[in-house]
Amino acid sequence: MKTLKDLKVGETAMVSKLTGEGAVKRRIMDMGVTKGTQITTVRKVAPLGDPIEVTVRGYELSIRKHDAQMICVE
């Protein structure tokens, strides 16, 4: 399954599933990333690839690759 980490700059995707457990999953959901949410664009990727910046619900969100790997997209 494709994850947010796999998206390239400029791609758009819809969140299909959140993996992970406990506090990490709750923190991701608190940032507005929930099932059915559209990730409108991957805006930037840091030179070493971590973190990545995406637009979610009208705001820019920087997220670590480890956390982005827990967000399945379609």
N, C-alpha and C. Protein backbone atom coordinates (compact mmCIF):
# COMPACT_ATOMS: atom_id res chain seq x y z
N MET A 1 0.85 -1.18 0.00
CA MET A 1 0.00 0.00 0.00
C MET A 1 0.89 1.24 0.00
N LYS A 2 0.49 2.26 -0.72
CA LYS A 2 1.25 3.51 -0.83
C LYS A 2 1.06 4.35 0.43
N THR A 3 2.15 4.95 0.88
CA THR A 3 2.08 5.80 2.07
C THR A 3 2.41 7.24 1.70
N LEU A 4 2.16 8.14 2.62
CA LEU A 4 2.46 9.55 2.41
C LEU A 4 3.95 9.75 2.15
N LYS A 5 4.77 8.94 2.74
CA LYS A 5 6.21 9.01 2.54
C LYS A 5 6.60 8.76 1.08
N ASP A 6 5.80 7.97 0.35
CA ASP A 6 6.11 7.59 -1.03
C ASP A 6 5.73 8.66 -2.06
N LEU A 7 4.94 9.66 -1.66
CA LEU A 7 4.51 10.69 -2.61
C LEU A 7 5.66 11.60 -3.00
N LYS A 8 5.61 12.07 -4.23
CA LYS A 8 6.61 13.01 -4.74
C LYS A 8 6.08 14.44 -4.61
N VAL A 9 6.96 15.40 -4.75
CA VAL A 9 6.57 16.81 -4.68
C VAL A 9 5.53 17.10 -5.77
N GLY A 10 4.43 17.73 -5.38
CA GLY A 10 3.37 18.10 -6.32
C GLY A 10 2.24 17.09 -6.43
N GLU A 11 2.37 15.92 -5.84
CA GLU A 11 1.32 14.90 -5.91
C GLU A 11 0.22 15.18 -4.89
N THR A 12 -0.97 14.70 -5.21
CA THR A 12 -2.14 14.84 -4.34
C THR A 12 -2.65 13.44 -4.01
N ALA A 13 -3.13 13.25 -2.79
CA ALA A 13 -3.63 11.94 -2.38
C ALA A 13 -4.71 12.09 -1.32
N MET A 14 -5.44 10.99 -1.10
CA MET A 14 -6.49 10.93 -0.08
C MET A 14 -6.06 9.92 0.97
N VAL A 15 -6.21 10.26 2.24
CA VAL A 15 -5.85 9.34 3.33
C VAL A 15 -6.85 8.20 3.34
N SER A 16 -6.34 6.97 3.28
CA SER A 16 -7.22 5.81 3.30
C SER A 16 -7.18 5.06 4.62
N LYS A 17 -6.05 5.19 5.35
CA LYS A 17 -5.92 4.44 6.59
C LYS A 17 -4.76 4.99 7.40
N LEU A 18 -4.90 4.95 8.71
CA LEU A 18 -3.81 5.31 9.61
C LEU A 18 -3.36 4.05 10.33
N THR A 19 -2.07 3.76 10.24
CA THR A 19 -1.53 2.63 10.99
C THR A 19 -0.84 3.19 12.22
N GLY A 20 -0.26 2.35 13.01
CA GLY A 20 0.36 2.82 14.24
C GLY A 20 -0.63 2.72 15.39
N GLU A 21 -0.13 2.95 16.57
CA GLU A 21 -0.97 2.79 17.76
C GLU A 21 -0.71 3.88 18.78
N GLY A 22 -1.64 4.02 19.67
CA GLY A 22 -1.47 4.87 20.84
C GLY A 22 -1.26 6.33 20.57
N ALA A 23 -0.27 6.90 21.28
CA ALA A 23 -0.04 8.34 21.27
C ALA A 23 0.37 8.86 19.89
N VAL A 24 1.12 8.07 19.14
CA VAL A 24 1.57 8.53 17.82
C VAL A 24 0.37 8.67 16.88
N LYS A 25 -0.49 7.69 16.85
CA LYS A 25 -1.69 7.74 16.00
C LYS A 25 -2.58 8.91 16.44
N ARG A 26 -2.75 9.10 17.72
CA ARG A 26 -3.58 10.19 18.25
C ARG A 26 -3.00 11.55 17.83
N ARG A 27 -1.67 11.70 17.90
CA ARG A 27 -1.02 12.96 17.53
C ARG A 27 -1.24 13.26 16.05
N ILE A 28 -1.13 12.24 15.20
CA ILE A 28 -1.37 12.43 13.77
C ILE A 28 -2.81 12.86 13.53
N MET A 29 -3.74 12.23 14.21
CA MET A 29 -5.16 12.59 14.06
C MET A 29 -5.41 14.00 14.58
N ASP A 30 -4.76 14.39 15.66
CA ASP A 30 -4.92 15.74 16.21
C ASP A 30 -4.40 16.82 15.26
N MET A 31 -3.47 16.47 14.38
CA MET A 31 -2.95 17.40 13.39
C MET A 31 -3.90 17.54 12.20
N GLY A 32 -5.02 16.81 12.20
CA GLY A 32 -6.01 16.93 11.15
C GLY A 32 -5.90 15.88 10.06
N VAL A 33 -5.01 14.92 10.24
CA VAL A 33 -4.85 13.86 9.24
C VAL A 33 -5.71 12.68 9.68
N THR A 34 -6.89 12.56 9.07
CA THR A 34 -7.81 11.48 9.39
C THR A 34 -8.25 10.80 8.10
N LYS A 35 -8.87 9.64 8.22
CA LYS A 35 -9.33 8.90 7.06
C LYS A 35 -10.27 9.78 6.22
N GLY A 36 -10.02 9.82 4.92
CA GLY A 36 -10.84 10.61 4.01
C GLY A 36 -10.33 12.03 3.79
N THR A 37 -9.32 12.45 4.53
CA THR A 37 -8.76 13.79 4.38
C THR A 37 -7.90 13.84 3.13
N GLN A 38 -8.04 14.92 2.37
CA GLN A 38 -7.23 15.09 1.18
C GLN A 38 -5.93 15.80 1.54
N ILE A 39 -4.81 15.19 1.15
CA ILE A 39 -3.51 15.82 1.25
C ILE A 39 -3.33 16.51 -0.09
N THR A 40 -3.50 17.82 -0.12
CA THR A 40 -3.61 18.50 -1.41
C THR A 40 -2.32 18.51 -2.20
N THR A 41 -1.19 18.71 -1.57
CA THR A 41 0.07 18.66 -2.30
C THR A 41 1.21 18.34 -1.34
N VAL A 42 2.17 17.65 -1.85
CA VAL A 42 3.42 17.55 -1.13
C VAL A 42 4.19 18.78 -1.57
N ARG A 43 4.43 19.71 -0.67
CA ARG A 43 5.02 21.00 -1.02
C ARG A 43 6.53 20.96 -1.08
N LYS A 44 7.17 20.38 -0.08
CA LYS A 44 8.63 20.38 -0.02
C LYS A 44 9.12 19.10 0.66
N VAL A 45 10.33 18.74 0.30
CA VAL A 45 11.03 17.67 1.00
C VAL A 45 12.39 18.24 1.38
N ALA A 46 12.76 18.10 2.63
CA ALA A 46 14.06 18.61 3.09
C ALA A 46 15.19 17.93 2.33
N PRO A 47 16.34 18.56 2.25
CA PRO A 47 17.47 18.00 1.48
C PRO A 47 17.81 16.54 1.82
N LEU A 48 17.74 16.18 3.06
CA LEU A 48 18.02 14.80 3.44
C LEU A 48 16.75 13.96 3.49
N GLY A 49 15.63 14.53 3.06
CA GLY A 49 14.38 13.79 2.97
C GLY A 49 13.52 13.80 4.22
N ASP A 50 13.95 14.44 5.27
CA ASP A 50 13.18 14.43 6.50
C ASP A 50 13.23 15.81 7.14
N PRO A 51 12.17 16.50 7.41
CA PRO A 51 10.77 16.13 7.22
C PRO A 51 10.26 16.52 5.83
N ILE A 52 8.99 16.18 5.59
CA ILE A 52 8.33 16.61 4.36
C ILE A 52 7.23 17.60 4.75
N GLU A 53 6.90 18.50 3.85
CA GLU A 53 5.87 19.50 4.12
C GLU A 53 4.69 19.25 3.18
N VAL A 54 3.50 19.13 3.73
CA VAL A 54 2.28 18.90 2.96
C VAL A 54 1.24 19.93 3.34
N THR A 55 0.23 20.07 2.50
CA THR A 55 -0.90 20.94 2.81
C THR A 55 -2.09 20.05 3.18
N VAL A 56 -2.62 20.25 4.39
CA VAL A 56 -3.74 19.47 4.90
C VAL A 56 -4.77 20.44 5.46
N ARG A 57 -6.01 20.34 5.00
CA ARG A 57 -7.09 21.17 5.52
C ARG A 57 -6.76 22.66 5.50
N GLY A 58 -6.00 23.09 4.48
CA GLY A 58 -5.72 24.50 4.30
C GLY A 58 -4.50 25.03 5.04
N TYR A 59 -3.74 24.20 5.69
CA TYR A 59 -2.53 24.68 6.36
C TYR A 59 -1.35 23.77 6.02
N GLU A 60 -0.14 24.32 6.16
CA GLU A 60 1.06 23.54 5.88
C GLU A 60 1.44 22.75 7.12
N LEU A 61 1.77 21.50 6.91
CA LEU A 61 2.14 20.60 7.99
C LEU A 61 3.47 19.95 7.65
N SER A 62 4.43 20.06 8.54
CA SER A 62 5.71 19.35 8.38
C SER A 62 5.62 18.08 9.21
N ILE A 63 5.95 16.97 8.58
CA ILE A 63 5.83 15.69 9.25
C ILE A 63 7.07 14.84 8.97
N ARG A 64 7.53 14.13 9.99
CA ARG A 64 8.70 13.28 9.84
C ARG A 64 8.37 12.09 8.94
N LYS A 65 9.40 11.58 8.25
CA LYS A 65 9.20 10.43 7.36
C LYS A 65 8.68 9.23 8.12
N HIS A 66 9.15 9.02 9.34
CA HIS A 66 8.70 7.89 10.14
C HIS A 66 7.19 7.97 10.39
N ASP A 67 6.69 9.17 10.68
CA ASP A 67 5.25 9.35 10.90
C ASP A 67 4.49 9.30 9.58
N ALA A 68 5.07 9.83 8.50
CA ALA A 68 4.42 9.81 7.19
C ALA A 68 4.24 8.38 6.69
N GLN A 69 5.10 7.49 7.12
CA GLN A 69 5.02 6.08 6.72
C GLN A 69 3.79 5.40 7.33
N MET A 70 3.23 5.97 8.38
CA MET A 70 2.05 5.40 9.04
C MET A 70 0.75 5.85 8.39
N ILE A 71 0.84 6.75 7.40
CA ILE A 71 -0.36 7.29 6.75
C ILE A 71 -0.49 6.67 5.37
N CYS A 72 -1.44 5.77 5.21
CA CYS A 72 -1.68 5.11 3.92
C CYS A 72 -2.57 6.01 3.07
N VAL A 73 -2.22 6.15 1.79
CA VAL A 73 -2.95 7.04 0.90
C VAL A 73 -3.33 6.30 -0.38
N GLU A 74 -4.28 6.87 -1.09
CA GLU A 74 -4.67 6.33 -2.40
C GLU A 74 -4.75 7.44 -3.42
